N, C-alpha and C. Protein backbone atom coordinates (compact mmCIF):
# COMPACT_ATOMS: atom_id res chain seq x y z
N MET A 1 32.71 16.50 -44.57
CA MET A 1 31.48 16.45 -43.95
C MET A 1 31.61 17.53 -42.63
N PRO A 2 30.76 18.01 -42.38
CA PRO A 2 30.79 18.91 -40.99
C PRO A 2 30.31 17.32 -40.29
N GLU A 3 30.79 17.54 -39.10
CA GLU A 3 30.93 16.36 -37.62
C GLU A 3 29.97 17.46 -36.98
N LEU A 4 30.07 16.92 -35.77
CA LEU A 4 28.82 17.11 -34.21
C LEU A 4 29.42 18.09 -34.36
N PRO A 5 30.75 17.73 -33.44
CA PRO A 5 31.68 18.81 -32.63
C PRO A 5 31.19 20.12 -33.64
N GLU A 6 32.15 20.93 -34.49
CA GLU A 6 31.53 21.75 -35.81
C GLU A 6 30.38 22.18 -35.42
N VAL A 7 28.84 21.06 -36.14
CA VAL A 7 27.66 21.67 -35.67
C VAL A 7 27.38 22.52 -34.13
N GLU A 8 27.94 22.15 -33.45
CA GLU A 8 27.86 22.88 -31.49
C GLU A 8 28.43 23.99 -32.67
N THR A 9 29.92 24.59 -33.35
CA THR A 9 30.42 25.59 -33.33
C THR A 9 30.17 26.73 -34.01
N ILE A 10 29.26 26.21 -35.55
CA ILE A 10 28.26 26.60 -35.89
C ILE A 10 26.94 27.31 -35.30
N ALA A 11 26.27 26.56 -34.13
CA ALA A 11 25.34 27.02 -33.13
C ALA A 11 25.19 27.91 -32.26
N ARG A 12 26.17 27.80 -31.53
CA ARG A 12 27.45 28.73 -30.94
C ARG A 12 27.75 29.80 -31.30
N ARG A 13 28.31 29.83 -32.68
CA ARG A 13 28.92 31.78 -32.88
C ARG A 13 27.63 32.67 -33.70
N ILE A 14 26.52 31.33 -33.97
CA ILE A 14 25.25 31.60 -34.60
C ILE A 14 24.25 32.86 -33.77
N GLU A 15 24.21 31.91 -32.56
CA GLU A 15 22.90 32.25 -32.06
C GLU A 15 22.98 33.71 -31.11
N PRO A 16 24.75 34.01 -30.67
CA PRO A 16 23.94 35.51 -30.38
C PRO A 16 23.45 36.42 -31.36
N HIS A 17 24.02 36.62 -32.70
CA HIS A 17 23.33 37.63 -34.09
C HIS A 17 22.19 37.35 -34.25
N LEU A 18 21.79 35.16 -34.00
CA LEU A 18 19.84 36.04 -33.87
C LEU A 18 18.88 35.39 -32.92
N VAL A 19 19.63 35.19 -32.15
CA VAL A 19 18.49 35.28 -31.05
C VAL A 19 17.64 36.82 -31.09
N GLY A 20 15.91 37.25 -30.80
CA GLY A 20 15.69 38.20 -31.41
C GLY A 20 15.16 38.34 -32.39
N LYS A 21 15.52 38.47 -32.97
CA LYS A 21 15.55 38.53 -34.02
C LYS A 21 14.90 38.12 -35.37
N LYS A 22 13.12 38.41 -36.08
CA LYS A 22 12.45 38.23 -36.75
C LYS A 22 13.03 36.96 -38.32
N LEU A 23 12.37 35.71 -38.18
CA LEU A 23 12.73 36.01 -39.70
C LEU A 23 11.06 35.79 -40.80
N LEU A 24 11.78 36.46 -41.38
CA LEU A 24 10.54 36.91 -42.63
C LEU A 24 9.94 35.63 -43.52
N ARG A 25 11.78 35.54 -43.89
CA ARG A 25 10.58 34.39 -45.05
C ARG A 25 12.06 34.16 -45.47
N ILE A 26 11.90 32.79 -46.09
CA ILE A 26 12.82 31.46 -46.37
C ILE A 26 12.87 31.78 -48.29
N ILE A 27 13.58 32.20 -48.60
CA ILE A 27 13.69 32.52 -50.02
C ILE A 27 14.48 30.73 -50.39
N VAL A 28 13.59 30.05 -51.58
CA VAL A 28 14.38 28.90 -51.62
C VAL A 28 14.32 28.42 -52.97
N LEU A 29 16.27 28.94 -53.64
CA LEU A 29 16.32 28.87 -54.08
C LEU A 29 17.18 26.54 -54.46
N HIS A 30 16.41 25.99 -53.95
CA HIS A 30 16.12 24.79 -55.42
C HIS A 30 15.19 24.14 -54.16
N THR A 31 14.62 23.72 -54.59
CA THR A 31 13.57 22.51 -53.29
C THR A 31 13.19 21.73 -53.01
N LYS A 32 14.01 20.60 -53.72
CA LYS A 32 14.97 19.84 -52.78
C LYS A 32 15.30 19.79 -51.36
N SER A 33 15.87 21.07 -51.76
CA SER A 33 16.50 21.18 -50.38
C SER A 33 15.76 22.17 -48.64
N VAL A 34 14.67 21.93 -50.04
CA VAL A 34 13.53 22.98 -48.08
C VAL A 34 13.18 22.52 -48.24
N ARG A 35 12.23 21.58 -47.04
CA ARG A 35 10.82 20.79 -46.83
C ARG A 35 9.61 21.57 -45.41
N GLY A 36 8.83 20.91 -45.80
CA GLY A 36 7.97 21.59 -44.55
C GLY A 36 7.02 22.13 -45.45
N ASP A 37 6.48 22.81 -43.97
CA ASP A 37 5.84 24.96 -44.23
C ASP A 37 6.54 25.70 -44.14
N SER A 38 7.13 26.36 -44.66
CA SER A 38 8.24 27.30 -44.19
C SER A 38 6.89 28.64 -43.59
N SER A 39 5.53 28.13 -43.50
CA SER A 39 4.82 29.57 -42.58
C SER A 39 4.15 28.88 -41.22
N LEU A 40 5.21 28.03 -40.85
CA LEU A 40 5.42 27.80 -39.58
C LEU A 40 6.45 28.79 -39.15
N VAL A 41 7.56 28.93 -38.97
CA VAL A 41 8.37 29.31 -38.74
C VAL A 41 8.92 31.41 -39.63
N GLU A 42 7.71 32.04 -40.33
CA GLU A 42 8.32 32.91 -42.09
C GLU A 42 7.04 33.50 -40.20
N SER A 43 8.18 34.93 -40.42
CA SER A 43 7.28 35.50 -39.45
C SER A 43 7.56 35.59 -37.76
N ALA A 44 8.10 35.00 -37.18
CA ALA A 44 8.62 33.87 -36.29
C ALA A 44 9.57 34.63 -35.77
N ILE A 45 10.19 34.83 -34.61
CA ILE A 45 11.65 35.50 -33.48
C ILE A 45 11.82 34.26 -33.39
N VAL A 46 13.13 34.16 -34.00
CA VAL A 46 14.05 33.03 -32.53
C VAL A 46 14.44 33.24 -31.21
N ALA A 47 14.20 32.07 -30.82
CA ALA A 47 13.89 32.13 -29.95
C ALA A 47 15.59 31.28 -29.24
N LYS A 48 15.68 31.08 -29.80
CA LYS A 48 17.24 30.28 -29.23
C LYS A 48 18.00 28.80 -31.09
N VAL A 49 19.45 29.19 -30.74
CA VAL A 49 19.51 28.59 -31.56
C VAL A 49 20.62 27.18 -30.53
N SER A 50 20.40 25.79 -31.80
CA SER A 50 21.11 24.82 -31.19
C SER A 50 21.22 24.24 -31.99
N ARG A 51 21.59 22.76 -30.94
CA ARG A 51 22.21 21.19 -31.77
C ARG A 51 21.76 20.56 -31.88
N GLN A 52 20.96 19.54 -32.16
CA GLN A 52 20.63 18.49 -32.15
C GLN A 52 21.12 17.40 -32.33
N ALA A 53 22.54 16.20 -32.79
CA ALA A 53 22.72 15.40 -32.84
C ALA A 53 23.43 16.07 -34.82
N LYS A 54 23.64 15.84 -35.69
CA LYS A 54 24.08 16.77 -36.11
C LYS A 54 23.63 17.77 -36.94
N ILE A 55 22.57 18.20 -36.22
CA ILE A 55 21.10 19.48 -37.22
C ILE A 55 21.28 20.32 -36.04
N LEU A 56 21.58 21.73 -36.59
CA LEU A 56 21.55 22.65 -36.16
C LEU A 56 19.91 22.83 -36.07
N VAL A 57 19.03 23.43 -35.02
CA VAL A 57 18.07 24.09 -34.33
C VAL A 57 17.64 25.34 -34.10
N LEU A 58 16.86 25.94 -35.36
CA LEU A 58 16.70 26.70 -35.23
C LEU A 58 14.84 26.77 -33.68
N ARG A 59 14.87 27.33 -32.61
CA ARG A 59 13.57 27.42 -32.21
C ARG A 59 13.33 28.42 -31.67
N PHE A 60 12.18 28.58 -32.27
CA PHE A 60 10.88 30.44 -32.42
C PHE A 60 10.03 30.64 -31.63
N GLU A 61 9.61 31.81 -31.01
CA GLU A 61 9.14 31.97 -29.34
C GLU A 61 7.40 31.29 -30.51
N ASN A 62 7.54 31.09 -30.84
CA ASN A 62 5.63 30.42 -31.57
C ASN A 62 6.19 28.58 -30.84
N GLU A 63 6.83 27.97 -30.67
CA GLU A 63 7.38 27.00 -30.40
C GLU A 63 8.04 26.35 -31.69
N ASN A 64 7.37 26.55 -33.11
CA ASN A 64 8.25 26.04 -34.14
C ASN A 64 9.18 25.57 -34.73
N ALA A 65 9.96 25.04 -35.19
CA ALA A 65 11.01 24.95 -35.70
C ALA A 65 12.58 24.97 -37.05
N LEU A 66 12.95 25.03 -37.16
CA LEU A 66 13.85 25.13 -38.07
C LEU A 66 15.01 23.99 -38.05
N LEU A 67 15.11 23.23 -38.86
CA LEU A 67 15.70 21.66 -38.28
C LEU A 67 16.56 22.07 -39.68
N ILE A 68 18.49 22.33 -39.59
CA ILE A 68 18.78 21.76 -40.98
C ILE A 68 19.70 21.18 -40.35
N HIS A 69 20.63 20.24 -41.54
CA HIS A 69 21.11 19.59 -41.98
C HIS A 69 21.98 19.10 -42.79
N LEU A 70 23.60 19.31 -42.65
CA LEU A 70 24.25 19.95 -44.09
C LEU A 70 25.51 19.11 -44.10
N LYS A 71 24.28 17.35 -43.82
CA LYS A 71 25.37 16.42 -44.81
C LYS A 71 26.48 16.55 -45.05
N MET A 72 26.40 15.36 -46.49
CA MET A 72 28.21 15.75 -46.79
C MET A 72 28.13 17.52 -46.91
N THR A 73 28.47 18.06 -47.49
CA THR A 73 28.90 19.03 -47.99
C THR A 73 27.95 20.76 -47.55
N GLY A 74 27.44 20.48 -46.70
CA GLY A 74 26.43 21.62 -46.66
C GLY A 74 26.89 22.90 -45.44
N GLN A 75 27.18 24.41 -46.07
CA GLN A 75 27.53 25.10 -45.47
C GLN A 75 26.52 25.91 -44.88
N ILE A 76 26.79 26.92 -43.07
CA ILE A 76 25.72 28.37 -43.18
C ILE A 76 26.58 29.46 -42.82
N LEU A 77 26.01 30.24 -43.65
CA LEU A 77 26.50 31.42 -43.81
C LEU A 77 25.91 32.78 -43.12
N TYR A 78 25.95 33.14 -41.86
CA TYR A 78 25.33 34.92 -41.54
C TYR A 78 26.08 35.52 -42.15
N GLN A 79 24.99 36.47 -43.04
CA GLN A 79 25.76 37.93 -42.93
C GLN A 79 24.92 39.14 -42.52
N ASP A 80 25.91 39.85 -42.58
CA ASP A 80 25.25 41.08 -41.32
C ASP A 80 25.86 41.98 -42.66
N SER A 81 25.83 42.93 -42.07
CA SER A 81 26.47 44.79 -42.52
C SER A 81 28.77 44.86 -41.94
N VAL A 82 27.97 43.91 -41.07
CA VAL A 82 29.50 43.89 -40.54
C VAL A 82 30.18 42.81 -40.01
N VAL A 83 29.80 41.58 -40.25
CA VAL A 83 29.99 40.42 -39.98
C VAL A 83 29.13 39.27 -41.66
N ARG A 84 30.58 38.50 -41.15
CA ARG A 84 29.76 37.25 -42.08
C ARG A 84 30.82 36.39 -40.98
N LEU A 85 30.31 35.20 -41.09
CA LEU A 85 30.40 34.31 -39.95
C LEU A 85 29.21 32.62 -40.44
N GLY A 86 30.25 31.31 -40.45
CA GLY A 86 29.26 30.91 -39.95
C GLY A 86 30.12 29.29 -40.42
N GLY A 87 29.51 28.04 -41.06
CA GLY A 87 30.77 27.09 -41.25
C GLY A 87 30.37 25.72 -41.44
N GLY A 88 30.34 25.00 -41.84
CA GLY A 88 30.33 23.84 -42.60
C GLY A 88 31.53 23.45 -43.98
N HIS A 89 31.07 22.87 -44.71
CA HIS A 89 32.31 22.56 -46.10
C HIS A 89 32.57 22.92 -46.00
N PRO A 90 34.22 23.57 -46.20
CA PRO A 90 35.29 24.56 -46.91
C PRO A 90 34.49 24.56 -47.77
N THR A 91 34.35 25.98 -48.29
CA THR A 91 34.33 26.00 -50.32
C THR A 91 34.89 27.68 -50.00
N ALA A 92 34.91 27.73 -51.50
CA ALA A 92 35.13 29.47 -50.95
C ALA A 92 34.16 30.34 -51.54
N ASP A 93 32.97 29.71 -50.64
CA ASP A 93 31.76 30.33 -50.53
C ASP A 93 31.25 31.20 -49.21
N TRP A 94 32.98 30.21 -48.64
CA TRP A 94 32.83 31.90 -46.99
C TRP A 94 34.02 33.72 -47.80
N VAL A 95 33.96 32.92 -48.88
CA VAL A 95 34.59 35.03 -49.15
C VAL A 95 33.96 35.45 -49.88
N ALA A 96 33.49 34.31 -50.97
CA ALA A 96 32.98 34.66 -52.34
C ALA A 96 31.98 35.98 -51.53
N GLU A 97 31.42 36.04 -53.29
CA GLU A 97 29.59 37.13 -53.27
C GLU A 97 28.89 36.17 -53.14
N LEU A 98 27.90 36.92 -52.08
CA LEU A 98 26.68 35.86 -51.74
C LEU A 98 25.33 35.89 -52.05
N PRO A 99 23.95 35.85 -52.70
CA PRO A 99 24.14 33.93 -52.90
C PRO A 99 25.20 33.84 -54.05
N SER A 100 25.65 32.06 -53.90
CA SER A 100 26.31 31.79 -54.51
C SER A 100 25.69 30.79 -55.93
N LYS A 101 26.23 29.59 -56.37
CA LYS A 101 26.04 29.11 -58.11
C LYS A 101 25.43 27.86 -56.08
N HIS A 102 26.04 27.31 -55.37
CA HIS A 102 25.94 26.48 -54.24
C HIS A 102 24.89 26.72 -53.19
N THR A 103 24.48 28.05 -53.32
CA THR A 103 23.45 28.82 -52.52
C THR A 103 21.72 27.93 -53.28
N ARG A 104 21.24 27.41 -51.67
CA ARG A 104 19.97 26.16 -51.91
C ARG A 104 19.18 26.98 -50.99
N ALA A 105 19.19 27.74 -50.23
CA ALA A 105 18.36 28.62 -49.87
C ALA A 105 18.82 30.04 -49.05
N ILE A 106 18.03 30.91 -48.90
CA ILE A 106 18.52 31.62 -47.98
C ILE A 106 17.15 32.67 -46.85
N LEU A 107 17.96 32.79 -45.70
CA LEU A 107 16.15 33.32 -44.28
C LEU A 107 17.06 34.64 -44.68
N GLU A 108 16.03 35.38 -44.57
CA GLU A 108 15.71 36.95 -44.52
C GLU A 108 15.26 37.01 -43.09
N PHE A 109 16.04 38.10 -42.53
CA PHE A 109 15.38 38.87 -41.23
C PHE A 109 14.55 40.20 -41.40
N SER A 110 14.29 40.44 -40.25
CA SER A 110 13.63 41.66 -40.72
C SER A 110 14.87 43.10 -40.13
N ASP A 111 16.13 42.39 -39.82
CA ASP A 111 17.32 44.04 -39.83
C ASP A 111 17.87 43.63 -40.57
N ASP A 112 18.05 43.23 -42.35
CA ASP A 112 18.25 42.79 -43.01
C ASP A 112 19.47 42.18 -42.84
N SER A 113 19.84 41.61 -41.97
CA SER A 113 20.48 40.19 -42.38
C SER A 113 19.71 38.72 -42.67
N LYS A 114 20.94 38.02 -43.15
CA LYS A 114 21.30 36.64 -43.22
C LYS A 114 21.48 35.83 -43.53
N VAL A 115 20.71 34.05 -43.30
CA VAL A 115 21.10 33.26 -42.91
C VAL A 115 21.00 32.49 -44.92
N PHE A 116 22.59 32.46 -45.49
CA PHE A 116 22.59 31.15 -46.79
C PHE A 116 22.62 29.90 -46.24
N PHE A 117 22.25 29.59 -46.78
CA PHE A 117 22.18 27.54 -46.89
C PHE A 117 23.12 27.37 -48.14
N ASN A 118 23.88 26.50 -47.82
CA ASN A 118 24.58 26.16 -48.99
C ASN A 118 24.96 24.51 -48.89
N ASP A 119 25.15 24.41 -50.62
CA ASP A 119 25.17 22.34 -50.90
C ASP A 119 25.44 22.54 -51.89
N MET A 120 26.94 22.37 -51.70
CA MET A 120 27.63 21.47 -53.68
C MET A 120 26.54 20.70 -54.32
N ARG A 121 26.21 19.71 -53.02
CA ARG A 121 25.55 18.31 -53.66
C ARG A 121 24.83 18.22 -53.25
N LEU A 122 23.96 18.64 -52.58
CA LEU A 122 21.56 18.59 -52.17
C LEU A 122 21.42 17.23 -51.13
N PHE A 123 22.46 17.10 -50.83
CA PHE A 123 22.25 16.26 -49.71
C PHE A 123 21.37 16.73 -48.44
N GLY A 124 21.55 17.47 -48.36
CA GLY A 124 21.76 19.05 -47.22
C GLY A 124 20.41 18.92 -47.56
N TRP A 125 19.06 19.17 -46.12
CA TRP A 125 18.28 19.91 -46.23
C TRP A 125 17.64 20.72 -44.71
N ILE A 126 17.18 22.13 -44.79
CA ILE A 126 15.89 22.39 -44.06
C ILE A 126 14.77 22.51 -44.02
N LYS A 127 14.15 21.93 -43.08
CA LYS A 127 13.08 22.20 -42.67
C LYS A 127 12.27 22.47 -41.77
N ALA A 128 10.96 22.91 -42.06
CA ALA A 128 10.13 23.43 -40.91
C ALA A 128 9.30 22.50 -40.67
N VAL A 129 9.33 22.61 -39.19
CA VAL A 129 7.89 21.59 -38.44
C VAL A 129 7.72 22.57 -37.21
N ASP A 130 6.91 22.12 -36.84
CA ASP A 130 5.89 22.73 -35.39
C ASP A 130 6.60 21.45 -34.35
N GLU A 131 5.71 21.85 -33.06
CA GLU A 131 6.30 20.93 -31.54
C GLU A 131 6.52 19.80 -32.24
N VAL A 132 4.71 19.37 -32.45
CA VAL A 132 4.74 17.49 -32.46
C VAL A 132 5.72 17.15 -33.33
N GLU A 133 6.30 17.51 -34.52
CA GLU A 133 6.99 16.73 -36.26
C GLU A 133 8.28 17.51 -35.15
N PHE A 134 8.53 18.54 -33.57
CA PHE A 134 10.02 18.60 -33.54
C PHE A 134 10.27 17.43 -33.32
N ARG A 135 10.04 17.11 -31.82
CA ARG A 135 9.98 15.81 -30.94
C ARG A 135 10.00 14.07 -31.85
N GLN A 136 9.22 14.40 -32.87
CA GLN A 136 9.32 12.51 -32.69
C GLN A 136 10.77 13.13 -34.41
N GLU A 137 10.82 13.97 -34.70
CA GLU A 137 11.80 14.23 -35.90
C GLU A 137 13.11 13.28 -34.79
N LEU A 138 13.39 14.59 -33.92
CA LEU A 138 14.02 13.56 -32.68
C LEU A 138 14.13 13.04 -32.03
N GLN A 139 13.30 12.41 -32.25
CA GLN A 139 13.61 10.75 -31.64
C GLN A 139 13.41 10.06 -32.23
N LYS A 140 14.21 10.85 -34.08
CA LYS A 140 15.02 9.56 -34.76
C LYS A 140 16.50 9.01 -34.95
N TYR A 141 16.74 10.03 -33.81
CA TYR A 141 18.33 9.80 -32.93
C TYR A 141 18.19 9.19 -31.46
N ALA A 142 19.92 9.56 -31.64
CA ALA A 142 20.64 8.38 -30.34
C ALA A 142 20.39 10.11 -28.77
N PRO A 143 20.13 9.43 -27.89
CA PRO A 143 21.09 10.29 -26.67
C PRO A 143 21.88 11.69 -27.67
N ASP A 144 21.23 13.44 -26.87
CA ASP A 144 23.00 13.69 -27.38
C ASP A 144 24.04 13.35 -26.46
N ILE A 145 25.12 12.61 -26.63
CA ILE A 145 26.97 12.82 -26.56
C ILE A 145 26.61 13.35 -25.30
N ILE A 146 26.37 14.78 -25.18
CA ILE A 146 26.84 15.75 -23.30
C ILE A 146 25.59 16.10 -23.25
N SER A 147 24.80 15.38 -23.53
CA SER A 147 23.57 15.01 -22.61
C SER A 147 23.63 14.85 -20.83
N PRO A 148 22.90 14.72 -19.76
CA PRO A 148 23.55 14.21 -18.99
C PRO A 148 23.21 12.97 -18.26
N GLU A 149 21.22 12.44 -19.01
CA GLU A 149 21.53 11.14 -19.48
C GLU A 149 22.88 9.45 -20.25
N ILE A 150 23.31 10.66 -20.59
CA ILE A 150 24.32 9.81 -21.34
C ILE A 150 25.22 9.36 -19.92
N THR A 151 25.26 9.02 -19.05
CA THR A 151 26.16 7.64 -17.80
C THR A 151 26.55 6.70 -18.07
N PRO A 152 27.49 6.46 -16.80
CA PRO A 152 28.14 4.78 -17.52
C PRO A 152 26.63 3.77 -17.39
N GLU A 153 25.90 4.51 -16.34
CA GLU A 153 24.91 3.02 -16.26
C GLU A 153 24.50 2.87 -18.74
N PHE A 154 24.17 3.64 -18.72
CA PHE A 154 23.16 4.38 -19.51
C PHE A 154 23.88 2.90 -21.22
N PHE A 155 25.08 3.38 -20.56
CA PHE A 155 26.08 2.52 -21.93
C PHE A 155 25.74 0.33 -20.97
C-alpha cells in the first residue's frame, strides 16, 4: 500500500514533468476508477503537483484539480519518449508495456506524454473537482503532518 512518504515522492518526481503541460483528455478504461466531470480539467494546463494526506493533487491554471488516491494497489506511471517514472504498489507494470491489464485511466498531454493510473484491486480512484469541491474533499482529512499548523500545542 503506498503510504504518505511514497505519495510525496511521486508528487516530487512527476511535478517537473507535468507543470506547464496541457492535459488533453482522460481516457477512462474502467469507470469505477474515475469520478467527477473530467471536462473540468481537460484542456487545462497543470500548474502544480502536490500531495494532501495520501492524495496526489494535480492543480490546474483554471483553479480546478485532479485528485488521485492510490489506496492499496494503485500506481502512477509517467511516460514520455525518454523517461518512465512513478511509484505506488510494485508490480511488473513498472517495466511492462503500457497500458497494461491493470491500467484504469490514462491522462494524455499535448506533448504526447502520458500518465497511467494502474490499480490491480480497483480500490483507488481519480476525481476531477472544481475549487469548491476541492476544499470540501480535503477537509475530510487531518491537517498535513508537515504543515506549519502542526505544533506541540496542536496536540
